[in-house]
Amino acid sequence: MKAPKLLPWYARKAGIPIDRANALWRKAVREATAETGWVGNAEYWGASMDIFQRLLDEEKNTLCTPCVTPLVRSQNRMWRLPLIAMEDMFSAMSASWQRQGTTPSPRKAA
């Protein structure tokens, strides 16, 4: 039985190898066949996908990979703070200089 075309995407999303996802798909197909008693109808494919996603979640929960994305993003923001502050300061200075250059000078009374 062929695996769904989105199987690599599901595997990558769960953080597991594609070979392991294929094994989980085969297990889901076996369980769906036993559960529905039919092969090839809509109920069968729906049960297969439900079981496959449940198995992927279970497999994902057994992995011990920490999620470092928020940490990396916060470090990136902290690294950029001085640059953003300097950019804001230069922008304010430029605006101030432009205001000073465009204001009319007071006229002397004759």
N, C-alpha and C. Protein backbone atom coordinates (compact mmCIF):
# COMPACT_ATOMS: atom_id res chain seq x y z
N MET A 1 0.84 -1.17 0.00
CA MET A 1 0.00 0.00 0.00
C MET A 1 0.89 1.23 0.00
N LYS A 2 0.55 2.17 -0.83
CA LYS A 2 1.34 3.39 -0.94
C LYS A 2 1.06 4.32 0.23
N ALA A 3 2.12 5.00 0.63
CA ALA A 3 2.00 5.98 1.70
C ALA A 3 1.46 7.30 1.12
N PRO A 4 0.85 8.14 1.94
CA PRO A 4 0.36 9.42 1.43
C PRO A 4 1.52 10.31 0.98
N LYS A 5 1.25 11.19 0.03
CA LYS A 5 2.29 12.06 -0.50
C LYS A 5 2.78 13.06 0.55
N LEU A 6 1.94 13.35 1.53
CA LEU A 6 2.33 14.29 2.57
C LEU A 6 3.09 13.63 3.72
N LEU A 7 3.41 12.37 3.60
CA LEU A 7 4.09 11.66 4.68
C LEU A 7 5.42 12.32 5.05
N PRO A 8 6.27 12.75 4.09
CA PRO A 8 7.51 13.44 4.50
C PRO A 8 7.23 14.73 5.27
N TRP A 9 6.18 15.43 4.90
CA TRP A 9 5.84 16.66 5.63
C TRP A 9 5.41 16.34 7.06
N TYR A 10 4.56 15.32 7.21
CA TYR A 10 4.15 14.90 8.55
C TYR A 10 5.35 14.46 9.37
N ALA A 11 6.27 13.72 8.76
CA ALA A 11 7.46 13.26 9.47
C ALA A 11 8.33 14.43 9.91
N ARG A 12 8.54 15.38 9.02
CA ARG A 12 9.37 16.54 9.35
C ARG A 12 8.71 17.37 10.44
N LYS A 13 7.39 17.50 10.36
CA LYS A 13 6.65 18.27 11.37
C LYS A 13 6.76 17.61 12.74
N ALA A 14 6.74 16.28 12.76
CA ALA A 14 6.84 15.56 14.03
C ALA A 14 8.29 15.41 14.49
N GLY A 15 9.24 15.64 13.57
CA GLY A 15 10.65 15.53 13.93
C GLY A 15 11.16 14.10 13.96
N ILE A 16 10.57 13.24 13.13
CA ILE A 16 11.01 11.85 13.09
C ILE A 16 11.50 11.53 11.68
N PRO A 17 12.32 10.49 11.53
CA PRO A 17 12.80 10.12 10.19
C PRO A 17 11.66 9.58 9.32
N ILE A 18 11.84 9.70 8.01
CA ILE A 18 10.81 9.26 7.07
C ILE A 18 10.61 7.75 7.15
N ASP A 19 11.69 7.01 7.39
CA ASP A 19 11.56 5.55 7.52
C ASP A 19 10.65 5.19 8.68
N ARG A 20 10.81 5.89 9.79
CA ARG A 20 9.95 5.62 10.95
C ARG A 20 8.50 6.02 10.66
N ALA A 21 8.32 7.11 9.91
CA ALA A 21 6.96 7.53 9.53
C ALA A 21 6.31 6.49 8.63
N ASN A 22 7.09 5.89 7.72
CA ASN A 22 6.56 4.82 6.87
C ASN A 22 6.11 3.64 7.71
N ALA A 23 6.90 3.28 8.72
CA ALA A 23 6.53 2.17 9.60
C ALA A 23 5.24 2.50 10.36
N LEU A 24 5.13 3.74 10.82
CA LEU A 24 3.91 4.15 11.53
C LEU A 24 2.70 4.15 10.60
N TRP A 25 2.91 4.53 9.33
CA TRP A 25 1.81 4.50 8.36
C TRP A 25 1.33 3.07 8.13
N ARG A 26 2.27 2.15 7.99
CA ARG A 26 1.88 0.75 7.80
C ARG A 26 1.11 0.22 9.01
N LYS A 27 1.55 0.61 10.20
CA LYS A 27 0.84 0.20 11.41
C LYS A 27 -0.55 0.81 11.46
N ALA A 28 -0.68 2.07 11.04
CA ALA A 28 -1.99 2.73 11.02
C ALA A 28 -2.92 2.05 10.03
N VAL A 29 -2.39 1.63 8.89
CA VAL A 29 -3.21 0.93 7.89
C VAL A 29 -3.70 -0.41 8.44
N ARG A 30 -2.82 -1.13 9.12
CA ARG A 30 -3.22 -2.41 9.72
C ARG A 30 -4.32 -2.21 10.76
N GLU A 31 -4.14 -1.19 11.61
CA GLU A 31 -5.15 -0.93 12.65
C GLU A 31 -6.47 -0.47 12.04
N ALA A 32 -6.41 0.34 10.98
CA ALA A 32 -7.64 0.80 10.33
C ALA A 32 -8.37 -0.35 9.66
N THR A 33 -7.62 -1.29 9.07
CA THR A 33 -8.24 -2.47 8.46
C THR A 33 -8.95 -3.30 9.52
N ALA A 34 -8.30 -3.47 10.66
CA ALA A 34 -8.91 -4.25 11.74
C ALA A 34 -10.12 -3.51 12.33
N GLU A 35 -10.04 -2.20 12.38
CA GLU A 35 -11.11 -1.41 12.99
C GLU A 35 -12.35 -1.32 12.10
N THR A 36 -12.15 -1.04 10.81
CA THR A 36 -13.29 -0.83 9.92
C THR A 36 -13.76 -2.11 9.23
N GLY A 37 -12.85 -3.04 9.00
CA GLY A 37 -13.22 -4.27 8.31
C GLY A 37 -13.26 -4.11 6.80
N TRP A 38 -13.03 -2.92 6.31
CA TRP A 38 -13.04 -2.65 4.87
C TRP A 38 -11.70 -2.07 4.46
N VAL A 39 -11.45 -2.11 3.17
CA VAL A 39 -10.23 -1.50 2.63
C VAL A 39 -10.62 -0.65 1.44
N GLY A 40 -10.21 0.62 1.46
CA GLY A 40 -10.38 1.46 0.29
C GLY A 40 -11.53 2.43 0.33
N ASN A 41 -12.43 2.37 1.30
CA ASN A 41 -13.53 3.34 1.31
C ASN A 41 -13.14 4.57 2.14
N ALA A 42 -13.98 5.57 2.17
CA ALA A 42 -13.67 6.83 2.84
C ALA A 42 -13.49 6.64 4.35
N GLU A 43 -14.31 5.79 4.94
CA GLU A 43 -14.18 5.54 6.38
C GLU A 43 -12.82 4.93 6.70
N TYR A 44 -12.37 4.04 5.86
CA TYR A 44 -11.07 3.37 6.03
C TYR A 44 -9.94 4.39 5.98
N TRP A 45 -9.95 5.26 4.95
CA TRP A 45 -8.86 6.24 4.81
C TRP A 45 -8.90 7.26 5.94
N GLY A 46 -10.10 7.66 6.36
CA GLY A 46 -10.20 8.58 7.49
C GLY A 46 -9.65 7.97 8.77
N ALA A 47 -10.00 6.71 9.01
CA ALA A 47 -9.47 6.02 10.19
C ALA A 47 -7.96 5.87 10.09
N SER A 48 -7.45 5.58 8.89
CA SER A 48 -6.00 5.43 8.71
C SER A 48 -5.28 6.72 9.06
N MET A 49 -5.79 7.84 8.56
CA MET A 49 -5.14 9.12 8.85
C MET A 49 -5.26 9.49 10.32
N ASP A 50 -6.40 9.24 10.94
CA ASP A 50 -6.55 9.54 12.36
C ASP A 50 -5.57 8.73 13.20
N ILE A 51 -5.48 7.44 12.90
CA ILE A 51 -4.57 6.58 13.63
C ILE A 51 -3.12 6.99 13.38
N PHE A 52 -2.80 7.33 12.13
CA PHE A 52 -1.44 7.74 11.79
C PHE A 52 -1.05 9.01 12.55
N GLN A 53 -1.95 9.98 12.61
CA GLN A 53 -1.64 11.21 13.33
C GLN A 53 -1.51 10.96 14.83
N ARG A 54 -2.32 10.06 15.37
CA ARG A 54 -2.20 9.70 16.79
C ARG A 54 -0.85 9.05 17.05
N LEU A 55 -0.45 8.13 16.15
CA LEU A 55 0.85 7.46 16.31
C LEU A 55 2.01 8.45 16.18
N LEU A 56 1.87 9.43 15.27
CA LEU A 56 2.91 10.45 15.14
C LEU A 56 3.03 11.27 16.42
N ASP A 57 1.89 11.64 17.01
CA ASP A 57 1.93 12.40 18.26
C ASP A 57 2.57 11.60 19.37
N GLU A 58 2.24 10.32 19.46
CA GLU A 58 2.85 9.47 20.48
C GLU A 58 4.36 9.36 20.26
N GLU A 59 4.76 9.22 19.01
CA GLU A 59 6.19 9.12 18.70
C GLU A 59 6.90 10.44 19.00
N LYS A 60 6.25 11.53 18.70
CA LYS A 60 6.85 12.84 18.95
C LYS A 60 7.04 13.07 20.45
N ASN A 61 6.10 12.58 21.25
CA ASN A 61 6.20 12.76 22.70
C ASN A 61 7.30 11.91 23.32
N THR A 62 7.72 10.86 22.63
CA THR A 62 8.80 10.02 23.17
C THR A 62 10.18 10.59 22.87
N LEU A 63 10.27 11.52 21.92
CA LEU A 63 11.56 12.10 21.58
C LEU A 63 11.99 13.10 22.64
N CYS A 64 13.27 13.19 22.86
CA CYS A 64 13.80 14.09 23.89
C CYS A 64 14.51 15.28 23.26
N THR A 65 13.96 15.83 22.22
CA THR A 65 14.59 16.96 21.57
C THR A 65 14.00 18.25 22.12
N PRO A 66 14.85 19.11 22.68
CA PRO A 66 14.32 20.37 23.21
C PRO A 66 14.00 21.34 22.09
N CYS A 67 13.04 22.18 22.34
CA CYS A 67 12.66 23.19 21.36
C CYS A 67 13.48 24.46 21.64
N VAL A 68 14.46 24.74 20.80
CA VAL A 68 15.35 25.87 21.02
C VAL A 68 14.98 27.08 20.19
N THR A 69 13.95 26.99 19.38
CA THR A 69 13.58 28.10 18.50
C THR A 69 13.27 29.38 19.29
N PRO A 70 12.47 29.34 20.37
CA PRO A 70 12.21 30.59 21.10
C PRO A 70 13.49 31.19 21.70
N LEU A 71 14.39 30.35 22.16
CA LEU A 71 15.65 30.84 22.73
C LEU A 71 16.49 31.54 21.67
N VAL A 72 16.58 30.94 20.50
CA VAL A 72 17.36 31.54 19.42
C VAL A 72 16.74 32.86 18.97
N ARG A 73 15.42 32.90 18.89
CA ARG A 73 14.76 34.14 18.49
C ARG A 73 14.98 35.24 19.51
N SER A 74 14.90 34.92 20.79
CA SER A 74 15.12 35.95 21.81
C SER A 74 16.57 36.43 21.79
N GLN A 75 17.52 35.52 21.58
CA GLN A 75 18.92 35.94 21.48
C GLN A 75 19.13 36.84 20.27
N ASN A 76 18.47 36.53 19.17
CA ASN A 76 18.57 37.36 17.97
C ASN A 76 18.04 38.76 18.25
N ARG A 77 16.90 38.83 18.95
CA ARG A 77 16.34 40.14 19.28
C ARG A 77 17.27 40.92 20.21
N MET A 78 17.85 40.23 21.20
CA MET A 78 18.75 40.91 22.12
C MET A 78 20.01 41.40 21.40
N TRP A 79 20.50 40.66 20.44
CA TRP A 79 21.67 41.06 19.68
C TRP A 79 21.36 42.30 18.83
N ARG A 80 20.11 42.38 18.34
CA ARG A 80 19.73 43.48 17.46
C ARG A 80 19.33 44.74 18.21
N LEU A 81 19.09 44.68 19.53
CA LEU A 81 18.63 45.85 20.27
C LEU A 81 19.55 47.06 20.15
N PRO A 82 20.87 46.92 20.34
CA PRO A 82 21.72 48.11 20.18
C PRO A 82 21.65 48.69 18.77
N LEU A 83 21.55 47.84 17.76
CA LEU A 83 21.47 48.33 16.39
C LEU A 83 20.15 49.07 16.15
N ILE A 84 19.07 48.55 16.68
CA ILE A 84 17.77 49.21 16.54
C ILE A 84 17.78 50.55 17.27
N ALA A 85 18.38 50.58 18.48
CA ALA A 85 18.45 51.84 19.23
C ALA A 85 19.28 52.87 18.48
N MET A 86 20.40 52.45 17.90
CA MET A 86 21.24 53.37 17.15
C MET A 86 20.50 53.88 15.91
N GLU A 87 19.77 53.00 15.24
CA GLU A 87 19.00 53.41 14.07
C GLU A 87 17.93 54.44 14.46
N ASP A 88 17.25 54.21 15.58
CA ASP A 88 16.23 55.17 16.05
C ASP A 88 16.87 56.51 16.40
N MET A 89 18.06 56.48 17.02
CA MET A 89 18.74 57.72 17.39
C MET A 89 19.13 58.51 16.14
N PHE A 90 19.70 57.83 15.14
CA PHE A 90 20.07 58.52 13.90
C PHE A 90 18.84 59.06 13.18
N SER A 91 17.75 58.34 13.21
CA SER A 91 16.52 58.81 12.58
C SER A 91 16.02 60.07 13.27
N ALA A 92 16.07 60.10 14.60
CA ALA A 92 15.62 61.28 15.35
C ALA A 92 16.55 62.46 15.09
N MET A 93 17.86 62.19 15.03
CA MET A 93 18.81 63.28 14.73
C MET A 93 18.57 63.84 13.34
N SER A 94 18.34 62.98 12.37
CA SER A 94 18.09 63.42 11.00
C SER A 94 16.83 64.26 10.92
N ALA A 95 15.79 63.83 11.60
CA ALA A 95 14.54 64.59 11.60
C ALA A 95 14.75 65.95 12.26
N SER A 96 15.53 66.00 13.33
CA SER A 96 15.82 67.26 14.02
C SER A 96 16.59 68.20 13.10
N TRP A 97 17.59 67.69 12.41
CA TRP A 97 18.39 68.52 11.50
C TRP A 97 17.53 69.04 10.36
N GLN A 98 16.62 68.20 9.86
CA GLN A 98 15.76 68.65 8.76
C GLN A 98 14.81 69.74 9.23
N ARG A 99 14.30 69.63 10.45
CA ARG A 99 13.42 70.67 10.99
C ARG A 99 14.16 71.98 11.18
N GLN A 100 15.41 71.91 11.64
CA GLN A 100 16.18 73.12 11.85
C GLN A 100 16.51 73.79 10.52
N GLY A 101 16.74 73.02 9.49
CA GLY A 101 17.09 73.59 8.20
C GLY A 101 15.90 74.19 7.47
N THR A 102 14.68 73.79 7.77
CA THR A 102 13.52 74.28 7.04
C THR A 102 12.74 75.34 7.78
N THR A 103 13.11 75.65 9.04
CA THR A 103 12.35 76.68 9.77
C THR A 103 12.79 78.05 9.28
N PRO A 104 11.84 78.97 9.08
CA PRO A 104 12.22 80.31 8.63
C PRO A 104 12.94 81.08 9.72
N SER A 105 13.91 81.87 9.32
CA SER A 105 14.64 82.69 10.30
C SER A 105 13.81 83.93 10.62
N PRO A 106 13.87 84.42 11.84
CA PRO A 106 13.08 85.60 12.20
C PRO A 106 13.58 86.83 11.43
N ARG A 107 12.69 87.68 10.99
CA ARG A 107 13.05 88.88 10.23
C ARG A 107 13.26 90.06 11.19
N LYS A 108 14.16 90.89 10.79
CA LYS A 108 14.45 92.08 11.60
C LYS A 108 13.50 93.21 11.20
N ALA A 109 13.04 93.92 12.18
CA ALA A 109 12.16 95.07 11.90
C ALA A 109 13.01 96.24 11.44
N ALA A 110 12.58 96.93 10.41
CA ALA A 110 13.39 98.03 9.88
C ALA A 110 12.97 99.35 10.42
